[in-house]
N, C-alpha and C. Protein backbone atom coordinates (compact mmCIF):
# COMPACT_ATOMS: atom_id res chain seq x y z
N MET A 1 22.91 -8.39 0.31
CA MET A 1 22.56 -7.84 2.09
C MET A 1 23.44 -8.58 2.31
N GLU A 2 24.83 -7.49 2.93
CA GLU A 2 25.62 -8.21 3.93
C GLU A 2 24.76 -8.93 5.27
N ASN A 3 25.94 -9.72 5.36
CA ASN A 3 26.13 -10.88 6.91
C ASN A 3 27.16 -11.07 7.80
N SER A 4 26.85 -9.75 8.21
CA SER A 4 28.11 -9.44 9.16
C SER A 4 28.05 -9.79 10.31
N ASP A 5 29.31 -10.28 11.35
CA ASP A 5 28.64 -10.17 12.79
C ASP A 5 28.67 -9.42 14.05
N LEU A 6 27.09 -9.12 13.96
CA LEU A 6 26.58 -8.49 14.85
C LEU A 6 26.94 -8.56 16.16
N THR A 7 27.84 -9.51 16.71
CA THR A 7 28.31 -9.92 18.17
C THR A 7 28.64 -8.53 18.82
N GLY A 8 27.61 -8.90 20.39
CA GLY A 8 27.92 -7.32 20.70
C GLY A 8 27.18 -5.77 20.03
N ALA A 9 26.48 -5.73 18.86
CA ALA A 9 26.01 -4.45 18.31
C ALA A 9 24.77 -4.60 18.95
N GLN A 10 24.56 -2.97 19.26
CA GLN A 10 23.84 -1.71 19.70
C GLN A 10 22.95 -1.92 18.27
N VAL A 11 21.39 -1.32 19.10
CA VAL A 11 20.37 -1.12 17.98
C VAL A 11 20.10 0.80 18.23
N VAL A 12 19.95 1.23 17.47
CA VAL A 12 19.73 2.44 17.62
C VAL A 12 18.06 2.03 16.81
N GLU A 13 17.40 3.13 17.85
CA GLU A 13 15.80 2.93 17.24
C GLU A 13 15.24 4.38 16.68
N LEU A 14 14.63 4.53 15.91
CA LEU A 14 14.43 5.59 15.04
C LEU A 14 12.60 5.58 14.87
N TYR A 15 12.38 6.57 16.01
CA TYR A 15 10.89 7.26 15.85
C TYR A 15 10.42 7.44 14.55
N PHE A 16 9.36 6.95 13.70
CA PHE A 16 8.60 7.45 13.24
C PHE A 16 6.99 8.30 12.95
N SER A 17 6.35 9.45 12.51
CA SER A 17 5.26 9.10 12.06
C SER A 17 4.93 9.91 10.77
N GLY A 18 3.86 9.37 10.64
CA GLY A 18 3.04 10.72 9.34
C GLY A 18 2.19 10.09 8.75
N MET A 19 1.41 10.39 7.38
CA MET A 19 0.54 9.87 6.77
C MET A 19 0.92 8.31 6.20
N GLY A 20 0.34 7.66 6.04
CA GLY A 20 0.43 5.98 6.00
C GLY A 20 -0.71 5.44 5.72
N GLY A 21 -0.35 4.02 4.98
CA GLY A 21 -1.18 2.94 5.12
C GLY A 21 -1.59 1.48 4.42
N GLU A 22 -2.64 1.37 3.93
CA GLU A 22 -2.24 0.34 2.81
C GLU A 22 -2.39 -0.43 1.54
N PHE A 23 -2.24 -0.56 0.86
CA PHE A 23 -2.19 -1.12 -0.90
C PHE A 23 -1.84 -2.66 -1.41
N GLN A 24 -3.15 -2.51 -1.73
CA GLN A 24 -3.51 -3.98 -2.38
C GLN A 24 -4.58 -3.81 -4.27
N PHE A 25 -4.32 -4.46 -5.11
CA PHE A 25 -4.32 -4.37 -6.00
C PHE A 25 -4.90 -5.77 -6.99
N HIS A 26 -5.74 -5.82 -7.11
CA HIS A 26 -6.22 -6.93 -7.15
C HIS A 26 -7.32 -7.27 -9.13
N ARG A 27 -7.23 -8.43 -9.40
CA ARG A 27 -8.42 -7.84 -10.51
C ARG A 27 -8.71 -9.65 -10.36
N LEU A 28 -10.24 -8.98 -10.56
CA LEU A 28 -11.42 -9.96 -10.52
C LEU A 28 -11.88 -10.22 -11.67
N ASN A 29 -12.19 -12.14 -11.60
CA ASN A 29 -13.14 -12.38 -13.11
C ASN A 29 -14.94 -12.64 -12.59
N ARG A 30 -14.93 -12.88 -14.08
CA ARG A 30 -16.12 -12.79 -13.53
C ARG A 30 -17.45 -13.62 -12.74
N GLU A 31 -16.51 -14.87 -12.18
CA GLU A 31 -16.68 -15.68 -11.49
C GLU A 31 -16.67 -15.36 -9.88
N GLU A 32 -15.52 -14.47 -9.71
CA GLU A 32 -15.51 -13.59 -8.35
C GLU A 32 -16.41 -12.30 -8.29
N LEU A 33 -16.94 -11.97 -9.44
CA LEU A 33 -17.81 -10.67 -9.65
C LEU A 33 -19.13 -11.74 -8.65
N GLU A 34 -19.48 -12.54 -9.55
CA GLU A 34 -20.89 -12.97 -9.03
C GLU A 34 -20.40 -13.07 -7.52
N GLU A 35 -19.48 -14.43 -6.93
CA GLU A 35 -20.24 -14.34 -5.87
C GLU A 35 -20.22 -12.29 -5.19
N LEU A 36 -19.29 -11.65 -5.37
CA LEU A 36 -20.02 -10.32 -4.16
C LEU A 36 -21.24 -9.90 -4.76
N LYS A 37 -21.35 -10.15 -5.40
CA LYS A 37 -22.68 -9.70 -5.71
C LYS A 37 -24.17 -10.65 -5.58
N ALA A 38 -23.94 -11.88 -5.30
CA ALA A 38 -24.57 -12.71 -4.63
C ALA A 38 -23.88 -12.46 -2.79
N ASN A 39 -23.21 -12.35 -2.65
CA ASN A 39 -23.36 -11.53 -1.32
C ASN A 39 -24.10 -10.50 -0.65
N TYR A 40 -23.63 -9.38 -1.72
CA TYR A 40 -24.29 -8.28 -1.61
C TYR A 40 -25.77 -8.23 -1.71
N ILE A 41 -26.69 -9.18 -2.34
CA ILE A 41 -27.76 -9.43 -2.84
C ILE A 41 -28.49 -10.04 -1.29
N ASP A 42 -27.63 -10.52 -0.73
CA ASP A 42 -27.76 -11.46 0.78
C ASP A 42 -27.58 -10.65 1.73
N ALA A 43 -26.75 -9.99 1.79
CA ALA A 43 -27.14 -8.85 3.04
C ALA A 43 -26.48 -7.79 2.38
N PRO A 44 -27.53 -7.04 1.96
CA PRO A 44 -26.75 -5.49 1.67
C PRO A 44 -26.49 -4.47 2.35
N ASP A 45 -27.08 -4.27 3.88
CA ASP A 45 -26.54 -3.68 4.82
C ASP A 45 -25.43 -4.22 5.55
N GLU A 46 -24.25 -4.58 4.99
CA GLU A 46 -22.92 -5.36 5.14
C GLU A 46 -22.48 -5.38 4.45
N PHE A 47 -22.71 -4.95 3.76
CA PHE A 47 -21.51 -4.68 1.65
C PHE A 47 -21.11 -3.09 2.08
N PRO A 48 -19.81 -3.24 1.69
CA PRO A 48 -18.76 -4.45 1.09
C PRO A 48 -18.21 -4.81 3.12
N TRP A 49 -18.46 -4.02 3.93
CA TRP A 49 -17.32 -3.85 5.03
C TRP A 49 -17.32 -5.76 5.83
N SER A 50 -18.40 -6.09 5.19
CA SER A 50 -18.62 -7.94 5.41
C SER A 50 -17.33 -8.72 4.78
N VAL A 51 -17.42 -8.31 3.95
CA VAL A 51 -17.05 -9.35 2.77
C VAL A 51 -15.30 -8.68 2.24
N LEU A 52 -14.85 -7.42 2.26
CA LEU A 52 -13.91 -7.14 1.61
C LEU A 52 -12.72 -6.47 2.63
N ASP A 53 -13.05 -7.02 3.55
CA ASP A 53 -11.92 -6.83 4.68
C ASP A 53 -10.45 -6.50 4.33
N GLY A 54 -10.32 -6.87 3.11
CA GLY A 54 -8.77 -6.65 3.08
C GLY A 54 -7.92 -7.70 3.11
N ALA A 55 -8.19 -9.25 3.48
CA ALA A 55 -7.83 -10.38 3.42
C ALA A 55 -7.73 -11.37 2.87
N GLN A 56 -8.90 -11.18 1.94
CA GLN A 56 -9.34 -11.77 0.68
C GLN A 56 -8.24 -12.04 0.02
N ASP A 57 -8.01 -13.16 -0.69
CA ASP A 57 -6.61 -13.99 -1.58
C ASP A 57 -7.98 -14.31 -3.25
N PHE A 58 -7.72 -13.25 -3.96
CA PHE A 58 -8.55 -13.59 -5.08
C PHE A 58 -7.66 -14.56 -5.90
N THR A 59 -8.05 -14.42 -7.29
CA THR A 59 -7.10 -15.71 -8.52
C THR A 59 -6.04 -15.19 -8.69
N GLU A 60 -6.00 -13.73 -9.48
CA GLU A 60 -5.08 -12.01 -9.48
C GLU A 60 -4.25 -11.77 -9.10
N ARG A 61 -3.34 -11.23 -8.35
CA ARG A 61 -2.54 -10.32 -7.94
C ARG A 61 -2.01 -9.55 -8.47
N VAL A 62 -2.47 -8.22 -9.30
CA VAL A 62 -1.62 -7.34 -9.57
C VAL A 62 -0.64 -7.22 -8.81
N TYR A 63 -0.70 -5.99 -7.64
CA TYR A 63 -0.26 -6.29 -6.54
C TYR A 63 -0.94 -7.11 -5.12
N PRO A 64 0.13 -8.02 -4.37
CA PRO A 64 -0.97 -8.54 -2.94
C PRO A 64 -0.74 -7.55 -2.07
N GLY A 65 -0.06 -6.68 -1.64
CA GLY A 65 -0.18 -5.89 -1.19
C GLY A 65 1.22 -4.92 0.21
N CYS A 66 0.61 -3.78 0.57
CA CYS A 66 2.11 -3.33 1.57
C CYS A 66 1.17 -1.94 1.89
N TYR A 67 1.69 -2.17 3.37
CA TYR A 67 1.65 -1.58 4.60
C TYR A 67 2.78 -0.63 5.15
N GLY A 68 2.38 0.81 5.61
CA GLY A 68 3.53 1.23 6.45
C GLY A 68 3.42 2.81 5.76
N ILE A 69 4.26 3.72 6.36
CA ILE A 69 3.94 4.77 6.24
C ILE A 69 4.31 5.57 4.73
N TYR A 70 4.42 7.22 4.34
CA TYR A 70 4.22 7.15 2.48
C TYR A 70 5.82 7.64 3.16
N ILE A 71 6.81 7.83 2.30
CA ILE A 71 8.25 8.34 3.05
C ILE A 71 8.04 9.87 2.83
N ASP A 72 6.92 10.31 1.53
CA ASP A 72 7.15 12.03 1.67
C ASP A 72 6.71 12.58 3.06
N ASP A 73 6.15 11.62 3.78
CA ASP A 73 5.00 12.68 5.04
C ASP A 73 6.20 12.08 6.05
N MET A 74 6.91 11.38 6.32
CA MET A 74 7.76 10.71 7.06
C MET A 74 8.75 11.69 7.89
N GLU A 75 8.15 11.69 8.97
CA GLU A 75 9.55 12.64 10.53
C GLU A 75 9.86 11.78 11.09
N LEU A 76 11.47 11.68 11.12
CA LEU A 76 11.77 10.33 11.52
C LEU A 76 12.68 11.07 13.10
N GLN A 77 12.22 10.27 14.52
CA GLN A 77 13.48 10.63 15.45
C GLN A 77 13.72 9.78 16.19
N ASP A 78 15.40 10.61 16.32
CA ASP A 78 16.37 9.00 17.94
C ASP A 78 15.26 9.02 18.82
N ASN A 79 14.89 7.81 18.98
CA ASN A 79 14.00 7.87 20.43
C ASN A 79 15.13 7.69 21.54
N ASP A 80 16.00 7.38 21.50
CA ASP A 80 16.94 8.18 22.65
C ASP A 80 17.65 9.84 22.95
N THR A 81 17.72 10.31 21.84
CA THR A 81 18.83 11.69 21.97
C THR A 81 17.12 13.08 21.82
N TYR A 82 16.22 12.21 21.22
CA TYR A 82 14.91 13.04 20.90
C TYR A 82 15.00 13.88 19.86
N GLU A 83 16.11 13.75 18.61
CA GLU A 83 16.83 15.00 17.98
C GLU A 83 15.91 14.60 16.45
N ASN A 84 15.75 15.28 15.96
CA ASN A 84 15.23 14.64 14.25
C ASN A 84 16.53 14.25 13.85
N VAL A 85 16.37 12.68 13.43
CA VAL A 85 17.21 12.92 11.87
C VAL A 85 16.97 13.27 10.68
N GLU A 86 18.00 14.16 10.11
CA GLU A 86 17.82 14.43 8.81
C GLU A 86 17.80 13.61 7.54
N ILE A 87 16.87 12.94 6.75
CA ILE A 87 17.05 12.61 5.72
C ILE A 87 17.30 12.93 4.02
N ASP A 88 17.71 12.55 3.06
CA ASP A 88 18.31 13.18 2.16
C ASP A 88 17.34 12.17 1.18
N MET A 89 15.57 12.10 0.99
CA MET A 89 15.23 11.29 0.49
C MET A 89 15.64 11.03 -1.34
N ASP A 90 16.46 12.33 -1.73
CA ASP A 90 16.19 12.06 -3.37
C ASP A 90 16.94 11.65 -3.05
N LYS A 91 18.44 10.71 -2.54
CA LYS A 91 19.63 10.29 -2.84
C LYS A 91 19.60 8.94 -1.77
N GLN A 92 18.67 8.47 -0.71
CA GLN A 92 18.65 7.38 0.37
C GLN A 92 17.41 6.83 0.24
N SER A 93 16.43 6.99 -1.35
CA SER A 93 15.27 6.31 -1.64
C SER A 93 15.25 5.45 -2.88
N ILE A 94 14.73 4.88 -3.34
CA ILE A 94 14.50 3.42 -4.47
C ILE A 94 13.01 2.95 -4.47
N GLN A 95 12.79 3.03 -5.65
CA GLN A 95 11.54 3.35 -5.58
C GLN A 95 11.42 1.32 -6.51
N ASP A 96 11.09 0.58 -5.40
CA ASP A 96 10.64 -0.88 -5.43
C ASP A 96 10.04 -1.57 -6.77
N ALA A 97 8.57 -0.76 -6.82
CA ALA A 97 7.97 -0.89 -7.52
C ALA A 97 7.01 0.04 -7.93
N TYR A 98 6.06 0.52 -9.36
CA TYR A 98 4.89 1.30 -9.65
C TYR A 98 4.39 1.14 -10.10
N PHE A 99 2.65 1.04 -9.61
CA PHE A 99 2.37 0.29 -10.53
C PHE A 99 1.19 1.79 -11.06
N ASP A 100 1.04 2.22 -12.52
CA ASP A 100 0.40 3.32 -12.89
C ASP A 100 -1.08 2.82 -13.41
N ASP A 101 -1.71 2.84 -14.21
CA ASP A 101 -3.01 2.71 -14.86
C ASP A 101 -2.45 1.30 -15.08
N GLU A 102 -2.67 0.14 -14.86
CA GLU A 102 -2.83 -1.25 -15.52
C GLU A 102 -3.80 -1.36 -16.59
N VAL A 103 -3.05 -2.39 -18.05
CA VAL A 103 -3.50 -2.46 -18.78
C VAL A 103 -4.46 -3.32 -18.42
N CYS A 104 -5.96 -2.96 -18.76
CA CYS A 104 -7.06 -3.72 -18.67
C CYS A 104 -7.76 -4.85 -19.67
N HIS A 105 -8.03 -6.00 -18.80
CA HIS A 105 -8.05 -6.80 -19.41
C HIS A 105 -9.73 -7.56 -19.74
N PRO A 106 -10.35 -7.88 -20.86
CA PRO A 106 -11.90 -8.26 -21.41
C PRO A 106 -12.15 -8.90 -20.08
N GLY A 107 -13.17 -8.44 -19.40
CA GLY A 107 -13.81 -9.63 -18.60
C GLY A 107 -13.40 -9.89 -17.48
N LYS A 108 -12.36 -9.02 -17.02
CA LYS A 108 -12.48 -8.82 -15.96
C LYS A 108 -12.31 -7.64 -15.24
N ALA A 109 -12.43 -7.50 -13.73
CA ALA A 109 -12.44 -5.35 -13.37
C ALA A 109 -11.30 -6.11 -12.41
N ASP A 110 -11.32 -4.54 -11.96
CA ASP A 110 -10.39 -4.15 -11.39
C ASP A 110 -10.80 -3.46 -10.20
N TYR A 111 -10.09 -4.21 -8.71
CA TYR A 111 -10.38 -3.99 -8.00
C TYR A 111 -8.39 -3.09 -6.84
N ILE A 112 -9.26 -2.06 -6.15
CA ILE A 112 -8.52 -1.38 -5.44
C ILE A 112 -9.09 -1.36 -3.67
N TYR A 113 -7.76 -1.60 -3.18
CA TYR A 113 -7.85 -1.98 -1.85
C TYR A 113 -6.95 -0.48 -1.23
N LEU A 114 -7.97 0.38 -0.35
CA LEU A 114 -7.23 1.25 0.08
C LEU A 114 -6.73 1.60 1.61
N GLN A 115 -6.07 1.98 2.57
CA GLN A 115 -5.83 2.19 3.50
C GLN A 115 -5.39 3.80 3.92
N LYS A 116 -5.86 4.92 4.13
CA LYS A 116 -4.66 6.16 4.55
C LYS A 116 -5.63 6.44 6.15
N GLY A 117 -4.11 7.13 6.89
CA GLY A 117 -4.87 7.68 8.09
C GLY A 117 -3.01 7.88 8.77
N LYS A 118 -3.05 8.40 9.46
CA LYS A 118 -2.03 8.54 11.05
C LYS A 118 -1.20 7.45 10.96
N VAL A 119 0.02 7.15 10.82
CA VAL A 119 0.91 6.21 11.16
C VAL A 119 1.99 6.41 11.99
N PHE A 120 2.33 5.09 12.91
CA PHE A 120 3.60 5.31 13.11
C PHE A 120 4.38 4.26 13.82
N GLY A 121 5.42 4.23 13.99
CA GLY A 121 5.91 3.31 14.57
C GLY A 121 8.19 3.23 15.06
N THR A 122 8.16 2.66 14.44
CA THR A 122 9.81 2.26 14.59
C THR A 122 10.66 1.75 13.78
N ILE A 123 11.64 2.26 13.37
CA ILE A 123 13.09 1.74 12.72
C ILE A 123 14.18 0.73 13.13
N LYS A 124 14.30 0.03 13.45
CA LYS A 124 15.41 -0.95 14.91
C LYS A 124 16.86 -0.90 14.12
N VAL A 125 17.67 0.17 14.11
CA VAL A 125 18.97 0.06 12.85
C VAL A 125 20.37 -0.38 13.75
N PRO A 126 20.67 -1.78 13.52
CA PRO A 126 21.70 -2.61 13.91
C PRO A 126 23.45 -1.95 13.65
N LEU A 127 24.20 -1.39 14.71
CA LEU A 127 24.71 -1.18 14.16
C LEU A 127 26.19 -2.05 15.08
N MET A 128 27.23 -1.97 14.10
CA MET A 128 28.80 -3.12 14.66
C MET A 128 29.58 -2.84 15.65
N GLN A 129 29.87 -3.73 16.94
CA GLN A 129 29.76 -3.27 17.62
C GLN A 129 30.71 -1.70 17.68
N GLY A 130 30.80 -0.93 18.28
CA GLY A 130 32.03 0.55 18.18
C GLY A 130 31.66 1.06 17.63
N GLU A 131 30.51 1.35 16.15
CA GLU A 131 30.47 1.63 14.97
C GLU A 131 29.08 2.53 15.76
N ASP A 132 29.82 4.04 14.64
CA ASP A 132 29.17 5.06 15.76
C ASP A 132 27.55 4.98 14.33
N PHE A 133 25.91 5.42 14.52
CA PHE A 133 25.29 5.42 13.62
C PHE A 133 25.37 6.91 12.47
N VAL A 134 25.36 6.69 10.87
CA VAL A 134 25.49 7.75 9.99
C VAL A 134 24.10 7.82 9.64
N PRO A 135 23.27 8.75 9.83
CA PRO A 135 22.08 8.39 8.60
C PRO A 135 22.40 8.28 7.41
N SER A 136 23.08 9.17 6.92
CA SER A 136 23.07 9.21 5.06
C SER A 136 23.81 7.41 4.43
N LYS A 137 23.66 6.60 6.25
CA LYS A 137 23.75 4.92 5.49
C LYS A 137 23.00 4.57 5.31
N LEU A 138 21.56 4.81 5.79
CA LEU A 138 20.09 4.90 5.34
C LEU A 138 19.72 4.09 4.06
N GLU A 139 19.12 3.19 3.79
CA GLU A 139 18.39 3.47 2.18
C GLU A 139 16.87 2.84 2.51
N PHE A 140 16.11 3.96 1.95
CA PHE A 140 14.87 3.80 2.35
C PHE A 140 14.35 2.80 0.47
N HIS A 141 13.91 2.19 0.37
CA HIS A 141 12.87 1.19 -0.50
C HIS A 141 11.23 1.26 0.19
N TYR A 142 10.50 1.57 -1.10
CA TYR A 142 9.40 2.56 -1.25
C TYR A 142 8.22 1.35 -2.42
N VAL A 143 7.18 1.50 -2.40
CA VAL A 143 6.69 0.78 -3.24
C VAL A 143 5.64 2.41 -3.28
N GLU A 144 5.72 2.51 -4.89
CA GLU A 144 4.63 3.68 -5.86
C GLU A 144 3.25 3.47 -6.06
N TYR A 145 2.30 4.11 -5.94
CA TYR A 145 0.97 3.95 -6.58
C TYR A 145 0.81 5.00 -7.25
N CYS A 146 0.26 4.70 -8.60
CA CYS A 146 0.08 5.67 -9.28
C CYS A 146 -1.45 5.65 -10.31
N LEU A 147 -2.52 6.10 -8.99
CA LEU A 147 -3.40 5.42 -10.06
C LEU A 147 -4.33 6.42 -10.65
N ASP A 148 -3.86 7.28 -12.04
CA ASP A 148 -4.23 8.03 -12.45
C ASP A 148 -5.97 7.87 -12.96
N GLY A 149 -6.35 6.78 -13.40
CA GLY A 149 -7.83 7.03 -13.76
C GLY A 149 -8.75 7.38 -12.75
N TYR A 150 -9.69 6.16 -13.02
CA TYR A 150 -11.15 6.79 -11.82
C TYR A 150 -11.22 7.02 -10.80
N ALA A 151 -10.25 6.15 -9.78
CA ALA A 151 -9.68 6.26 -8.63
C ALA A 151 -8.65 6.90 -8.08
N GLU A 152 -8.41 7.84 -9.05
CA GLU A 152 -6.71 9.16 -8.52
C GLU A 152 -6.45 9.00 -7.45
N GLU A 153 -5.44 8.20 -7.24
CA GLU A 153 -5.15 7.55 -5.66
C GLU A 153 -3.49 7.60 -5.99
N TYR A 154 -2.64 8.36 -4.83
CA TYR A 154 -1.32 8.13 -5.34
C TYR A 154 -1.14 7.92 -4.11
N GLY A 155 0.58 7.07 -3.70
CA GLY A 155 1.38 7.05 -2.47
C GLY A 155 2.75 6.45 -2.71
N LYS A 156 3.05 6.97 -1.37
CA LYS A 156 4.81 5.85 -1.94
C LYS A 156 5.00 5.23 -0.32
N ILE A 157 4.89 4.28 -0.18
CA ILE A 157 4.94 3.16 0.87
C ILE A 157 5.63 2.57 1.61
N LEU A 158 6.41 2.98 2.49
CA LEU A 158 7.44 2.26 2.75
C LEU A 158 8.19 1.06 2.94
N VAL A 159 8.54 0.21 2.39
CA VAL A 159 8.15 -1.66 2.53
C VAL A 159 9.73 -1.91 3.00
N GLU A 160 10.70 -1.58 2.94
CA GLU A 160 12.29 -1.94 4.01
C GLU A 160 13.43 -0.90 3.75
N VAL A 161 14.07 -0.82 5.06
CA VAL A 161 14.86 -0.48 5.34
C VAL A 161 16.34 -1.09 5.43
N LEU A 162 16.99 -0.11 4.98
CA LEU A 162 18.61 -0.83 5.34
C LEU A 162 19.63 0.36 5.63
N TYR A 163 20.63 0.09 6.76
CA TYR A 163 21.60 0.55 6.73
C TYR A 163 22.85 -0.17 6.10
N ASP A 164 23.50 0.53 5.32
CA ASP A 164 25.35 0.33 5.02
C ASP A 164 24.67 -1.52 5.10
N GLY A 165 23.80 -1.81 4.49
CA GLY A 165 23.58 -3.27 3.19
C GLY A 165 22.52 -4.14 4.69
N ARG A 166 22.80 -3.54 5.83
CA ARG A 166 22.09 -5.10 6.94
C ARG A 166 20.32 -4.42 7.05
N ASP A 167 19.97 -5.64 7.18
CA ASP A 167 18.50 -5.11 7.22
C ASP A 167 17.75 -4.69 8.49
N CYS A 168 17.19 -3.32 8.70
CA CYS A 168 16.33 -2.90 10.08
C CYS A 168 15.10 -3.20 9.66
N GLU A 169 14.94 -3.82 11.01
CA GLU A 169 13.14 -3.49 11.91
C GLU A 169 12.43 -3.01 11.16
N ILE A 170 11.36 -3.05 10.79
CA ILE A 170 9.95 -1.83 11.10
C ILE A 170 9.23 -1.91 12.04
N GLU A 171 8.57 -1.72 12.44
CA GLU A 171 7.71 -2.06 13.32
C GLU A 171 6.46 0.12 13.03
N THR A 172 4.82 -1.10 12.65
CA THR A 172 4.20 0.31 12.02
C THR A 172 2.66 -0.14 12.50
N GLU A 173 2.24 0.68 13.34
CA GLU A 173 0.88 0.73 13.80
C GLU A 173 -0.13 1.54 13.77
N ASP A 174 -1.33 1.79 13.79
CA ASP A 174 -2.30 2.94 13.75
C ASP A 174 -3.10 2.50 14.55
N ASN A 175 -3.73 4.12 15.02
CA ASN A 175 -5.03 3.79 15.69
C ASN A 175 -6.70 4.62 15.02
N GLY A 176 -6.06 3.60 13.82
CA GLY A 176 -7.91 3.93 12.69
C GLY A 176 -7.23 4.79 11.52
N THR A 177 -7.75 3.48 10.68
CA THR A 177 -7.31 4.52 9.37
C THR A 177 -9.01 4.54 7.90
N ASP A 178 -9.43 5.42 7.18
CA ASP A 178 -9.65 5.42 6.59
C ASP A 178 -9.82 4.07 5.51
N ILE A 179 -10.78 3.90 5.40
CA ILE A 179 -10.53 2.31 3.77
C ILE A 179 -11.25 3.35 2.77
N ARG A 180 -11.03 2.91 1.38
CA ARG A 180 -11.77 3.42 0.35
C ARG A 180 -11.53 1.48 -0.64
N ARG A 181 -12.43 1.38 -1.06
CA ARG A 181 -13.10 0.23 -2.30
C ARG A 181 -13.00 0.51 -3.77
N VAL A 182 -12.56 0.07 -4.36
CA VAL A 182 -13.04 0.57 -5.89
C VAL A 182 -12.81 -0.40 -6.46
N ILE A 183 -13.90 -0.68 -7.41
CA ILE A 183 -14.03 -1.80 -8.77
C ILE A 183 -14.81 -1.43 -10.04
N THR A 184 -13.86 -1.49 -10.71
CA THR A 184 -14.02 -0.71 -11.64
C THR A 184 -14.13 -1.69 -13.16
N PHE A 185 -15.23 -2.03 -14.00
CA PHE A 185 -15.30 -2.91 -14.82
C PHE A 185 -14.70 -1.54 -16.26
N PRO A 186 -13.63 -2.41 -17.15
CA PRO A 186 -13.77 -2.01 -18.66
C PRO A 186 -14.43 -2.25 -19.54
N ILE A 187 -14.82 -1.26 -20.41
CA ILE A 187 -15.99 -0.80 -21.27
C ILE A 187 -15.16 -1.23 -22.69
N PHE A 188 -14.88 -2.37 -23.69
CA PHE A 188 -14.25 -2.43 -24.94
C PHE A 188 -15.08 -2.22 -25.92
N ASN A 189 -14.72 -2.04 -26.93
CA ASN A 189 -15.99 -1.44 -28.16
C ASN A 189 -15.46 -2.86 -29.04
N ASP A 190 -16.25 -2.74 -29.89
CA ASP A 190 -15.93 -4.37 -30.92
C ASP A 190 -14.91 -4.41 -31.65
N ASP A 191 -14.15 -3.13 -31.71
CA ASP A 191 -12.81 -4.12 -32.42
C ASP A 191 -11.64 -4.28 -30.22
N ASN A 192 -12.45 -4.26 -30.32
CA ASN A 192 -11.37 -5.35 -28.58
C ASN A 192 -10.45 -4.07 -28.52
N GLU A 193 -10.77 -2.52 -28.05
CA GLU A 193 -10.12 -1.09 -28.31
C GLU A 193 -10.55 -0.66 -26.79
N TYR A 194 -10.16 -0.33 -26.09
CA TYR A 194 -10.79 0.35 -24.72
C TYR A 194 -11.23 1.28 -24.86
N GLU A 195 -12.44 1.09 -24.54
CA GLU A 195 -13.46 3.14 -24.57
C GLU A 195 -13.74 3.46 -23.29
N ASP A 196 -14.26 2.83 -21.90
CA ASP A 196 -14.67 3.08 -21.12
C ASP A 196 -14.53 2.56 -19.69
N TYR A 197 -15.46 2.23 -18.47
CA TYR A 197 -15.33 2.09 -17.40
C TYR A 197 -16.58 2.35 -16.99
N LYS A 198 -17.19 0.83 -15.84
CA LYS A 198 -18.23 0.79 -15.40
C LYS A 198 -17.72 1.18 -13.72
N VAL A 199 -18.63 1.85 -12.97
CA VAL A 199 -18.07 1.43 -11.77
C VAL A 199 -18.79 1.04 -11.30
N VAL A 200 -18.26 -0.49 -10.10
CA VAL A 200 -19.29 -1.51 -9.85
C VAL A 200 -19.24 -1.03 -8.04
N LEU A 201 -18.00 -0.27 -7.50
CA LEU A 201 -18.00 -0.29 -6.30
C LEU A 201 -17.10 1.03 -6.22
N ASP A 202 -17.30 2.16 -5.34
CA ASP A 202 -16.68 2.70 -4.77
C ASP A 202 -17.17 2.86 -3.20
N GLN A 203 -16.43 2.63 -2.63
CA GLN A 203 -16.80 2.97 -0.69
C GLN A 203 -15.73 3.97 -0.36
N ASN A 204 -15.99 5.03 0.27
CA ASN A 204 -15.29 5.52 1.52
C ASN A 204 -16.45 6.17 2.16
N ASP A 205 -15.59 7.18 3.16
CA ASP A 205 -15.98 7.97 3.99
C ASP A 205 -17.32 8.70 3.71
N ASP A 206 -17.53 9.62 2.40
CA ASP A 206 -18.64 10.18 1.67
C ASP A 206 -19.43 9.77 0.78
N GLU A 207 -19.42 8.63 0.28
CA GLU A 207 -20.10 8.01 -0.35
C GLU A 207 -20.04 6.62 -0.60
N LEU A 208 -21.10 5.82 -0.86
CA LEU A 208 -20.77 4.59 -1.37
C LEU A 208 -21.86 4.28 -2.26
N ILE A 209 -21.27 3.50 -3.53
CA ILE A 209 -21.28 3.39 -4.86
C ILE A 209 -21.36 1.74 -5.28
N ILE A 210 -22.22 0.78 -5.33
CA ILE A 210 -22.66 0.16 -5.52
C ILE A 210 -23.73 -0.42 -6.86
N ASP A 211 -22.85 -0.86 -8.15
CA ASP A 211 -23.72 -1.10 -9.19
C ASP A 211 -23.57 -2.81 -10.09
N PHE A 212 -23.55 -3.47 -9.59
CA PHE A 212 -23.85 -4.83 -9.79
C PHE A 212 -24.15 -4.95 -11.46
N ASP A 213 -24.92 -4.56 -11.37
CA ASP A 213 -25.98 -4.56 -12.35
C ASP A 213 -25.70 -4.23 -13.55
N ASN A 214 -26.14 -4.95 -15.28
CA ASN A 214 -25.35 -4.65 -16.63
C ASN A 214 -23.71 -4.24 -16.62
N ILE A 215 -23.84 -4.99 -15.81
CA ILE A 215 -21.70 -5.33 -16.65
C ILE A 215 -21.60 -6.14 -17.80
N PRO A 216 -20.73 -5.75 -18.46
CA PRO A 216 -21.15 -5.88 -20.31
C PRO A 216 -20.69 -7.49 -20.73
């Protein structure tokens, strides 16, 4: 990234809004599953909200997490002129990472933490002194998650914006989001081949499944 002299620079603020949220992907070992089970037994009416609040640091992190707007739902507006800013996402966006169904590990459970809802905020674009703002110089980096297994969740979260190679500051907030937590445990046959999965936890606004019993 360029380290240009920005003395006397201006900042163009772009307001964005649309659907977005947070994505985390962890892998839990047996000890961590037993700890969660103990928490559930001790306070079943408070589980999983009191334990799995998105701030945990588990032993294995497939992806530690990101929070932002979905780039394919983002609307941009110049804060000064109130005019819409048109972006060609096919040319100006870059996929930083991709998470499909990860290879399951015997004896370990997959834990997905998601937040989804309306988000909004600003992108602060630094300009050189006397430089005009040209939207086509913006570059959007995103993380895509594509979970085709039990969870069936998908999203493309904005994680970084550059303007002509320079970092732009992103501020994102929301007024509340829906949360989904999913833990699945893979089942393998005698030949150590993946066969199926057991749903240990699935919590969202519509349902709550908790079943720590009979984990293979």
